[in-house]
Amino acid sequence: LRNAAGWTAVSHGRDNGAPALWSDMLLDTVEAVAGNGRVSAVACTESTVYFYSEAGRRILPALLLPARVAFLEVGPAPSQSVVAVTCDASLFVWDLATSR
């Protein structure tokens, strides 16, 4: 959800309509979101990627990639692996359990 000031709200909720477990505001447009019960990854138009824990804490600082993300995937829980392919065909793999 993007507001008039240009901020985009990112949140993680439950399927049963309960209030969101956590939320964050990003000053960018979100292009791709992937996650499982342990981690979430958000890719934005400015080629940045954000990683969140299940509690909504940012696991790493925002990472700037060489191009926009074309594909974003998080492995099935309990995995904390994230894969991103950018529009220039670069491949990135992160193991968020070890922050590498």
C-alpha atoms as a PDB file:
ATOM      1  CA  LEU A   1       0.000   0.000   0.000  1.00  0.00           C
ATOM      2  CA  ARG A   2       1.551   3.319  -1.112  1.00  0.00           C
ATOM      3  CA  ASN A   3       0.448   6.600   0.473  1.00  0.00           C
ATOM      4  CA  ALA A   4       0.415  10.146  -0.940  1.00  0.00           C
ATOM      5  CA  ALA A   5       3.805  10.963   0.617  1.00  0.00           C
ATOM      6  CA  GLY A   6       5.429   8.162  -1.407  1.00  0.00           C
ATOM      7  CA  TRP A   7       5.892   5.637   1.404  1.00  0.00           C
ATOM      8  CA  THR A   8       4.973   1.986   0.891  1.00  0.00           C
ATOM      9  CA  ALA A   9       3.629  -0.036   3.819  1.00  0.00           C
ATOM     10  CA  VAL A  10       4.932  -3.593   4.107  1.00  0.00           C
ATOM     11  CA  SER A  11       3.289  -5.910   6.619  1.00  0.00           C
ATOM     12  CA  HIS A  12       3.020  -9.553   7.551  1.00  0.00           C
ATOM     13  CA  GLY A  13      -0.382 -10.777   8.615  1.00  0.00           C
ATOM     14  CA  ARG A  14      -2.302 -13.944   9.156  1.00  0.00           C
ATOM     15  CA  ASP A  15      -4.754 -15.623   6.805  1.00  0.00           C
ATOM     16  CA  ASN A  16      -7.568 -15.500   9.370  1.00  0.00           C
ATOM     17  CA  GLY A  17      -8.061 -11.715   9.165  1.00  0.00           C
ATOM     18  CA  ALA A  18      -6.293 -10.997  12.469  1.00  0.00           C
ATOM     19  CA  PRO A  19      -4.227  -7.797  12.728  1.00  0.00           C
ATOM     20  CA  ALA A  20      -0.778  -7.757  11.121  1.00  0.00           C
ATOM     21  CA  LEU A  21       2.048  -9.303  13.116  1.00  0.00           C
ATOM     22  CA  TRP A  22       4.401  -6.480  12.055  1.00  0.00           C
ATOM     23  CA  SER A  23       4.650  -3.628   9.565  1.00  0.00           C
ATOM     24  CA  ASP A  24       7.329  -1.352   8.128  1.00  0.00           C
ATOM     25  CA  MET A  25       7.387   1.698   5.853  1.00  0.00           C
ATOM     26  CA  LEU A  26       9.662   1.860   2.798  1.00  0.00           C
ATOM     27  CA  LEU A  27      10.334   4.929   0.677  1.00  0.00           C
ATOM     28  CA  ASP A  28      10.190   2.934  -2.541  1.00  0.00           C
ATOM     29  CA  THR A  29       7.717   0.938  -4.617  1.00  0.00           C
ATOM     30  CA  VAL A  30       7.627  -2.785  -3.861  1.00  0.00           C
ATOM     31  CA  GLU A  31       8.004  -5.072  -6.884  1.00  0.00           C
ATOM     32  CA  ALA A  32       8.332  -8.554  -5.371  1.00  0.00           C
ATOM     33  CA  VAL A  33       7.696 -10.213  -2.023  1.00  0.00           C
ATOM     34  CA  ALA A  34       8.591 -13.733  -0.927  1.00  0.00           C
ATOM     35  CA  GLY A  35       8.580 -15.431   2.431  1.00  0.00           C
ATOM     36  CA  ASN A  36       7.908 -18.376   4.659  1.00  0.00           C
ATOM     37  CA  GLY A  37       7.113 -18.603   8.371  1.00  0.00           C
ATOM     38  CA  ARG A  38      10.688 -17.630   9.332  1.00  0.00           C
ATOM     39  CA  VAL A  39      11.795 -14.860   6.940  1.00  0.00           C
ATOM     40  CA  SER A  40      10.412 -12.423   4.377  1.00  0.00           C
ATOM     41  CA  ALA A  41      12.192 -10.708   1.494  1.00  0.00           C
ATOM     42  CA  VAL A  42      10.996  -7.545  -0.251  1.00  0.00           C
ATOM     43  CA  ALA A  43      12.442  -6.267  -3.543  1.00  0.00           C
ATOM     44  CA  CYS A  44      11.875  -2.656  -4.602  1.00  0.00           C
ATOM     45  CA  THR A  45      12.116  -0.678  -7.858  1.00  0.00           C
ATOM     46  CA  GLU A  46      15.338   1.069  -6.824  1.00  0.00           C
ATOM     47  CA  SER A  47      17.112  -2.337  -6.904  1.00  0.00           C
ATOM     48  CA  THR A  48      17.048  -2.678  -3.124  1.00  0.00           C
ATOM     49  CA  VAL A  49      16.187  -5.825  -1.186  1.00  0.00           C
ATOM     50  CA  TYR A  50      15.039  -5.911   2.444  1.00  0.00           C
ATOM     51  CA  PHE A  51      15.037  -8.992   4.674  1.00  0.00           C
ATOM     52  CA  TYR A  52      12.772  -9.386   7.717  1.00  0.00           C
ATOM     53  CA  SER A  53      12.653 -11.903  10.547  1.00  0.00           C
ATOM     54  CA  GLU A  54       9.407 -13.499  11.657  1.00  0.00           C
ATOM     55  CA  ALA A  55       9.144 -10.731  14.280  1.00  0.00           C
ATOM     56  CA  GLY A  56       9.537  -7.997  11.644  1.00  0.00           C
ATOM     57  CA  ARG A  57      13.120  -7.013  12.435  1.00  0.00           C
ATOM     58  CA  ARG A  58      15.401  -6.226   9.522  1.00  0.00           C
ATOM     59  CA  ILE A  59      17.939  -9.032   9.401  1.00  0.00           C
ATOM     60  CA  LEU A  60      20.440  -7.082   7.259  1.00  0.00           C
ATOM     61  CA  PRO A  61      20.656  -3.488   6.106  1.00  0.00           C
ATOM     62  CA  ALA A  62      18.967  -2.817   2.758  1.00  0.00           C
ATOM     63  CA  LEU A  63      21.076  -4.338  -0.004  1.00  0.00           C
ATOM     64  CA  LEU A  64      21.551  -2.521  -3.308  1.00  0.00           C
ATOM     65  CA  LEU A  65      21.729  -4.888  -6.274  1.00  0.00           C
ATOM     66  CA  PRO A  66      23.146  -4.020  -9.722  1.00  0.00           C
ATOM     67  CA  ALA A  67      19.692  -4.198 -11.354  1.00  0.00           C
ATOM     68  CA  ARG A  68      16.017  -4.619 -10.485  1.00  0.00           C
ATOM     69  CA  VAL A  69      14.864  -8.022  -9.230  1.00  0.00           C
ATOM     70  CA  ALA A  70      13.108 -10.204 -11.804  1.00  0.00           C
ATOM     71  CA  PHE A  71      12.653 -13.273  -9.567  1.00  0.00           C
ATOM     72  CA  LEU A  72      12.605 -13.578  -5.771  1.00  0.00           C
ATOM     73  CA  GLU A  73      12.156 -16.800  -3.797  1.00  0.00           C
ATOM     74  CA  VAL A  74      12.481 -17.908  -0.176  1.00  0.00           C
ATOM     75  CA  GLY A  75      13.027 -21.585   0.572  1.00  0.00           C
ATOM     76  CA  PRO A  76      10.384 -23.525   2.510  1.00  0.00           C
ATOM     77  CA  ALA A  77      10.464 -23.206   6.318  1.00  0.00           C
ATOM     78  CA  PRO A  78      12.617 -23.748   8.316  1.00  0.00           C
ATOM     79  CA  SER A  79      15.008 -22.643   5.560  1.00  0.00           C
ATOM     80  CA  GLN A  80      16.275 -19.073   5.710  1.00  0.00           C
ATOM     81  CA  SER A  81      17.716 -19.077   2.185  1.00  0.00           C
ATOM     82  CA  VAL A  82      16.725 -16.407  -0.326  1.00  0.00           C
ATOM     83  CA  VAL A  83      17.369 -16.442  -4.081  1.00  0.00           C
ATOM     84  CA  ALA A  84      17.104 -13.417  -6.359  1.00  0.00           C
ATOM     85  CA  VAL A  85      17.676 -13.110 -10.098  1.00  0.00           C
ATOM     86  CA  THR A  86      18.035  -9.585 -11.435  1.00  0.00           C
ATOM     87  CA  CYS A  87      17.015  -8.194 -14.827  1.00  0.00           C
ATOM     88  CA  ASP A  88      20.656  -8.270 -15.939  1.00  0.00           C
ATOM     89  CA  ALA A  89      20.771 -12.048 -15.209  1.00  0.00           C
ATOM     90  CA  SER A  90      22.802 -11.806 -11.997  1.00  0.00           C
ATOM     91  CA  LEU A  91      22.089 -14.527  -9.437  1.00  0.00           C
ATOM     92  CA  PHE A  92      22.214 -13.844  -5.688  1.00  0.00           C
ATOM     93  CA  VAL A  93      21.786 -16.377  -2.879  1.00  0.00           C
ATOM     94  CA  TRP A  94      21.719 -15.420   0.805  1.00  0.00           C
ATOM     95  CA  ASP A  95      21.681 -17.679   3.864  1.00  0.00           C
ATOM     96  CA  LEU A  96      20.015 -15.397   6.406  1.00  0.00           C
ATOM     97  CA  ALA A  97      20.683 -17.857   9.231  1.00  0.00           C
ATOM     98  CA  THR A  98      24.382 -16.957   8.938  1.00  0.00           C
ATOM     99  CA  SER A  99      23.893 -13.452   7.436  1.00  0.00           C
ATOM    100  CA  ARG A 100      25.909 -14.346   4.324  1.00  0.00           C
END
